[in-house]
Amino acid sequence: MKNTLYIFSIILLIASCKTEEPELPNINVEEVFEPYVSSFIEEGTKRGFDIDFSDTGLSILFGRTPNASASCSEIAGDNWGSHQILVNKDVWKTLNDSLKQRLIFHELGHCELNRSHKNDKFEDGSWVSIMRGDPLSRQDELLPIPYFGFRKGYYIDELFDEAVVTPDWANLSFEFNEIPEEAKSPIIEKTGLSFLNDTIDFEIADYELEFELKTISGTEVTWLAWGTEEKHYFFWFQNNEFHFSANSGFQGPFHFMENEQLNFNESQKVTIRQ
């Protein structure tokens, strides 16, 4: 009987000293998001960040995100705490590649870089960071971030380092110079119309278009579009709000709104410059 108890106690001692295998982080990124996660890791590496999500885990999936394009939260699973990003599938379908990257970078800014929303603006009215977010006014919701072209590099720099130097383009201003009468060549002239649907073909690299208009009062929208199918622009007026966009609509690569004390029920001159 004594020998049996002795052997049993040895077995208990061995069992109690067994080292448990460390649990692996939860990594579950849908294939459609993988290029943007890889890009985030690459951009972080350029700036001295070693990112592999081995300490936090990562899950990026399509899911319900009421009143938001995406959301980031901390979840607990069978392994250990993991960052989870849910993306609104309907919104995702409407975004171009640049905006998809910006969306994932924004959410990874929350999850991986511990960034909060930052709603600061430069003197020219453009956003300081791609981390802008709620709470936003209606006017600010219509003011996307110029995350494209040469500006994109600054926004990625700022994402990883809030102390980045303010870019030169942030405070640019341009003086308006009247087009002299002798330099004007009429292309089309029509007055008193509520609807104009003429197509004008001309191939000029540099041009200025000038026209006058009055808009319909109330909530009606008056708008004008020009350019080509590949590169087009448009602006529109609603009440006293003036909007301009390039290549796309509200979520396009460049769009801003000015809510000035304008009165387009009176004659207003608009000049477009290329």
Protein backbone atom coordinates (compact mmCIF):
# COMPACT_ATOMS: atom_id res chain seq x y z
CA MET A 1 0.00 0.00 0.00
CA LYS A 2 2.85 2.39 0.85
CA ASN A 3 4.56 1.71 -2.50
CA THR A 4 1.36 2.48 -4.37
CA LEU A 5 0.91 5.84 -2.65
CA TYR A 6 4.54 6.73 -3.35
CA ILE A 7 4.22 6.05 -7.07
CA PHE A 8 0.96 8.01 -7.25
CA SER A 9 2.54 11.04 -5.59
CA ILE A 10 5.39 10.98 -8.15
CA ILE A 11 2.87 10.98 -10.99
CA LEU A 12 1.07 13.98 -9.47
CA LEU A 13 4.36 15.84 -9.12
CA ILE A 14 5.29 15.26 -12.76
CA ALA A 15 1.85 16.36 -13.95
CA SER A 16 1.96 19.52 -11.91
CA CYS A 17 5.35 20.54 -13.38
CA LYS A 18 4.29 20.16 -17.03
CA THR A 19 4.83 23.41 -18.98
CA GLU A 20 1.78 24.55 -20.98
CA GLU A 21 2.25 25.43 -24.65
CA PRO A 22 1.85 29.19 -25.26
CA GLU A 23 -1.31 29.97 -27.17
CA LEU A 24 -0.96 31.52 -30.60
CA PRO A 25 -2.64 34.86 -31.38
CA ASN A 26 -5.84 34.84 -33.37
CA ILE A 27 -5.04 35.89 -36.98
CA ASN A 28 -8.09 35.86 -39.25
CA VAL A 29 -7.93 38.35 -42.13
CA GLU A 30 -10.24 37.86 -45.10
CA GLU A 31 -8.33 37.62 -48.37
CA VAL A 32 -9.75 40.86 -49.76
CA PHE A 33 -8.13 42.83 -46.91
CA GLU A 34 -4.72 41.15 -46.99
CA PRO A 35 -3.04 43.55 -49.48
CA TYR A 36 -3.91 46.53 -47.29
CA VAL A 37 -2.66 44.86 -44.12
CA SER A 38 0.59 43.96 -45.91
CA SER A 39 0.89 47.55 -47.09
CA PHE A 40 0.37 48.81 -43.52
CA ILE A 41 3.15 46.50 -42.27
CA GLU A 42 5.43 47.68 -45.09
CA GLU A 43 4.79 51.36 -44.41
CA GLY A 44 5.39 50.78 -40.69
CA THR A 45 8.69 49.02 -41.41
CA LYS A 46 9.86 52.06 -43.43
CA ARG A 47 9.26 54.16 -40.34
CA GLY A 48 10.89 51.87 -37.79
CA PHE A 49 7.83 49.90 -36.66
CA ASP A 50 8.03 46.11 -36.32
CA ILE A 51 4.45 44.97 -36.93
CA ASP A 52 3.40 41.32 -37.14
CA PHE A 53 0.37 41.25 -34.78
CA SER A 54 1.99 38.43 -32.79
CA ASP A 55 1.28 40.30 -29.57
CA THR A 56 -2.31 41.34 -30.26
CA GLY A 57 -3.76 39.07 -32.92
CA LEU A 58 -5.89 40.49 -35.73
CA SER A 59 -9.25 39.75 -37.28
CA ILE A 60 -10.64 41.71 -40.26
CA LEU A 61 -14.02 40.56 -41.52
CA PHE A 62 -17.13 41.89 -43.18
CA GLY A 63 -19.81 42.51 -40.60
CA ARG A 64 -22.48 44.82 -39.26
CA THR A 65 -21.23 48.32 -38.53
CA PRO A 66 -24.27 50.53 -37.87
CA ASN A 67 -23.69 54.12 -38.99
CA ALA A 68 -20.02 53.47 -39.79
CA SER A 69 -17.84 52.23 -42.64
CA ALA A 70 -15.83 50.08 -40.24
CA SER A 71 -15.16 49.58 -36.54
CA CYS A 72 -12.30 48.31 -34.39
CA SER A 73 -12.67 46.55 -31.04
CA GLU A 74 -10.85 44.20 -28.67
CA ILE A 75 -12.31 40.71 -28.43
CA ALA A 76 -11.47 37.66 -26.34
CA GLY A 77 -11.45 34.27 -28.01
CA ASP A 78 -10.28 30.71 -27.44
CA ASN A 79 -6.71 31.94 -27.66
CA TRP A 80 -6.25 35.44 -26.22
CA GLY A 81 -7.32 39.03 -26.80
CA SER A 82 -7.41 39.99 -30.45
CA HIS A 83 -8.02 43.17 -32.39
CA GLN A 84 -11.15 42.79 -34.50
CA ILE A 85 -12.03 45.08 -37.40
CA LEU A 86 -15.48 44.80 -38.96
CA VAL A 87 -16.01 46.39 -42.38
CA ASN A 88 -19.34 47.38 -43.92
CA LYS A 89 -19.52 45.36 -47.14
CA ASP A 90 -21.89 47.75 -48.90
CA VAL A 91 -19.56 50.69 -48.25
CA TRP A 92 -16.49 48.67 -49.25
CA LYS A 93 -17.95 48.00 -52.69
CA THR A 94 -18.19 51.73 -53.40
CA LEU A 95 -14.56 52.57 -52.56
CA ASN A 96 -11.63 52.82 -54.93
CA ASP A 97 -8.29 51.23 -54.02
CA SER A 98 -6.92 54.35 -52.34
CA LEU A 99 -9.97 54.76 -50.13
CA LYS A 100 -9.94 51.07 -49.21
CA GLN A 101 -6.35 51.44 -48.06
CA ARG A 102 -7.19 54.56 -46.10
CA LEU A 103 -10.09 52.81 -44.37
CA ILE A 104 -7.96 49.84 -43.27
CA PHE A 105 -5.06 52.11 -42.26
CA HIS A 106 -7.48 54.19 -40.16
CA GLU A 107 -8.79 51.16 -38.29
CA LEU A 108 -5.29 49.72 -37.82
CA GLY A 109 -4.32 53.13 -36.50
CA HIS A 110 -6.85 52.55 -33.72
CA CYS A 111 -5.97 48.91 -33.10
CA GLU A 112 -2.23 48.68 -33.63
CA LEU A 113 -1.02 52.27 -33.05
CA ASN A 114 -3.48 53.21 -30.28
CA ARG A 115 -4.52 56.32 -32.19
CA SER A 116 -7.72 58.14 -31.29
CA HIS A 117 -9.78 60.29 -33.62
CA LYS A 118 -8.07 63.56 -34.51
CA ASN A 119 -10.21 66.27 -36.07
CA ASP A 120 -7.63 69.05 -36.47
CA LYS A 121 -7.46 71.01 -39.74
CA PHE A 122 -4.81 72.99 -41.56
CA GLU A 123 -5.23 76.68 -42.34
CA ASP A 124 -6.58 75.82 -45.78
CA GLY A 125 -9.37 73.76 -44.18
CA SER A 126 -8.06 70.31 -45.11
CA TRP A 127 -7.71 67.53 -42.54
CA VAL A 128 -4.48 67.04 -40.60
CA SER A 129 -4.89 63.27 -40.21
CA ILE A 130 -6.65 60.25 -41.70
CA MET A 131 -7.66 59.57 -38.09
CA ARG A 132 -10.42 62.17 -38.35
CA GLY A 133 -13.74 60.72 -37.17
CA ASP A 134 -16.81 61.07 -34.98
CA PRO A 135 -18.07 63.32 -33.67
CA LEU A 136 -18.32 65.34 -36.90
CA SER A 137 -20.68 68.06 -38.03
CA ARG A 138 -22.71 67.54 -41.20
CA GLN A 139 -20.38 69.90 -43.06
CA ASP A 140 -17.29 68.03 -41.88
CA GLU A 141 -18.81 64.69 -42.87
CA LEU A 142 -18.86 66.02 -46.45
CA LEU A 143 -15.19 66.99 -46.28
CA PRO A 144 -13.12 63.91 -47.16
CA ILE A 145 -9.36 63.64 -46.72
CA PRO A 146 -7.17 64.34 -49.81
CA TYR A 147 -5.49 60.95 -49.46
CA PHE A 148 -4.11 60.76 -52.97
CA GLY A 149 -1.18 61.90 -55.11
CA PHE A 150 1.75 63.55 -53.38
CA ARG A 151 -0.36 64.24 -50.29
CA LYS A 152 -0.72 60.54 -49.44
CA GLY A 153 2.88 60.27 -48.19
CA TYR A 154 2.29 62.96 -45.58
CA TYR A 155 -0.85 61.25 -44.26
CA ILE A 156 0.95 57.94 -43.84
CA ASP A 157 3.83 59.71 -42.09
CA GLU A 158 1.37 61.39 -39.72
CA LEU A 159 -0.38 58.10 -39.02
CA PHE A 160 2.82 56.64 -37.58
CA ASP A 161 4.14 59.91 -36.10
CA GLU A 162 1.80 62.71 -35.01
CA ALA A 163 4.79 65.06 -34.68
CA VAL A 164 5.47 65.02 -38.43
CA VAL A 165 6.29 68.41 -39.97
CA THR A 166 3.38 70.29 -41.56
CA PRO A 167 3.60 69.87 -45.35
CA ASP A 168 4.12 72.87 -47.62
CA TRP A 169 0.86 72.25 -49.48
CA ALA A 170 -1.24 72.57 -46.34
CA ASN A 171 -1.38 76.36 -46.35
CA LEU A 172 -1.30 77.24 -50.02
CA SER A 173 -3.42 80.14 -51.19
CA PHE A 174 -4.05 81.47 -54.67
CA GLU A 175 -4.98 84.94 -55.75
CA PHE A 176 -7.72 85.24 -58.33
CA ASN A 177 -6.91 87.30 -61.42
CA GLU A 178 -9.64 88.35 -63.79
CA ILE A 179 -9.46 87.03 -67.33
CA PRO A 180 -8.92 90.11 -69.50
CA GLU A 181 -11.66 90.72 -72.02
CA GLU A 182 -9.27 90.54 -74.97
CA ALA A 183 -8.24 87.02 -73.91
CA LYS A 184 -11.78 85.66 -73.89
CA SER A 185 -13.15 83.56 -76.76
CA PRO A 186 -16.85 82.64 -76.54
CA ILE A 187 -17.43 78.89 -76.76
CA ILE A 188 -21.17 78.82 -76.11
CA GLU A 189 -23.65 81.53 -75.19
CA LYS A 190 -27.14 80.84 -73.91
CA THR A 191 -29.25 82.71 -71.41
CA GLY A 192 -32.50 82.21 -69.54
CA LEU A 193 -32.27 78.40 -69.52
CA SER A 194 -33.11 76.15 -66.58
CA PHE A 195 -31.41 73.15 -68.20
CA LEU A 196 -28.37 73.03 -70.47
CA ASN A 197 -27.18 69.72 -71.86
CA ASP A 198 -24.67 70.65 -74.54
CA THR A 199 -21.40 68.82 -75.12
CA ILE A 200 -18.46 70.97 -76.13
CA ASP A 201 -15.40 69.35 -77.66
CA PHE A 202 -12.09 71.17 -77.52
CA GLU A 203 -8.54 70.01 -76.96
CA ILE A 204 -6.64 72.65 -75.02
CA ALA A 205 -4.06 71.72 -72.42
CA ASP A 206 -4.38 74.95 -70.45
CA TYR A 207 -7.65 76.80 -70.33
CA GLU A 208 -9.95 78.98 -68.28
CA LEU A 209 -13.72 78.73 -68.57
CA GLU A 210 -15.83 81.58 -67.27
CA PHE A 211 -19.61 81.73 -67.02
CA GLU A 212 -22.36 83.39 -65.06
CA LEU A 213 -25.36 81.70 -63.51
CA LYS A 214 -28.27 81.98 -61.13
CA THR A 215 -29.45 78.90 -59.29
CA ILE A 216 -32.87 77.74 -58.24
CA SER A 217 -33.69 78.71 -54.67
CA GLY A 218 -34.54 76.26 -51.94
CA THR A 219 -33.17 72.73 -51.70
CA GLU A 220 -32.81 72.15 -55.45
CA VAL A 221 -29.33 71.27 -56.70
CA THR A 222 -27.71 73.14 -59.59
CA TRP A 223 -24.63 71.45 -60.98
CA LEU A 224 -22.12 71.50 -63.81
CA ALA A 225 -19.74 68.75 -64.98
CA TRP A 226 -16.82 68.88 -67.41
CA GLY A 227 -13.83 66.81 -68.52
CA THR A 228 -13.52 63.29 -69.94
CA GLU A 229 -14.75 59.90 -68.81
CA GLU A 230 -11.31 59.13 -67.35
CA LYS A 231 -10.76 62.53 -65.78
CA HIS A 232 -13.84 64.50 -64.96
CA TYR A 233 -14.86 67.19 -62.52
CA PHE A 234 -18.05 68.71 -61.29
CA PHE A 235 -19.38 71.17 -58.79
CA TRP A 236 -22.81 71.93 -57.52
CA PHE A 237 -24.71 74.45 -55.45
CA GLN A 238 -27.40 73.78 -52.89
CA ASN A 239 -28.79 76.68 -50.89
CA ASN A 240 -25.62 78.67 -50.12
CA GLU A 241 -23.33 75.66 -50.15
CA PHE A 242 -20.69 75.27 -52.84
CA HIS A 243 -19.19 71.84 -53.58
CA PHE A 244 -16.39 70.73 -55.88
CA SER A 245 -15.32 67.18 -56.68
CA ALA A 246 -12.90 65.37 -58.99
CA ASN A 247 -13.33 61.96 -60.64
CA SER A 248 -16.02 60.82 -58.24
CA GLY A 249 -18.78 61.87 -55.90
CA PHE A 250 -18.87 62.59 -52.17
CA GLN A 251 -16.19 59.97 -51.42
CA GLY A 252 -13.98 60.90 -54.36
CA PRO A 253 -10.27 61.62 -54.17
CA PHE A 254 -10.83 65.34 -53.78
CA HIS A 255 -13.90 67.12 -52.57
CA PHE A 256 -14.58 70.11 -50.39
CA MET A 257 -17.48 72.27 -49.34
CA GLU A 258 -17.58 75.94 -48.47
CA ASN A 259 -20.59 77.23 -46.61
CA GLU A 260 -20.13 80.91 -47.28
CA GLN A 261 -22.67 83.70 -47.39
CA LEU A 262 -23.25 83.17 -51.08
CA ASN A 263 -26.41 84.10 -52.91
CA PHE A 264 -26.65 82.25 -56.20
CA ASN A 265 -30.13 83.59 -56.81
CA GLU A 266 -28.21 86.64 -57.98
CA SER A 267 -25.86 86.54 -60.94
CA GLN A 268 -22.60 84.83 -60.00
CA LYS A 269 -19.47 84.51 -62.13
CA VAL A 270 -17.58 81.21 -61.94
CA THR A 271 -14.13 80.59 -63.44
CA ILE A 272 -12.69 77.12 -64.02
CA ARG A 273 -8.96 76.86 -64.62
CA GLN A 274 -6.96 73.95 -66.05
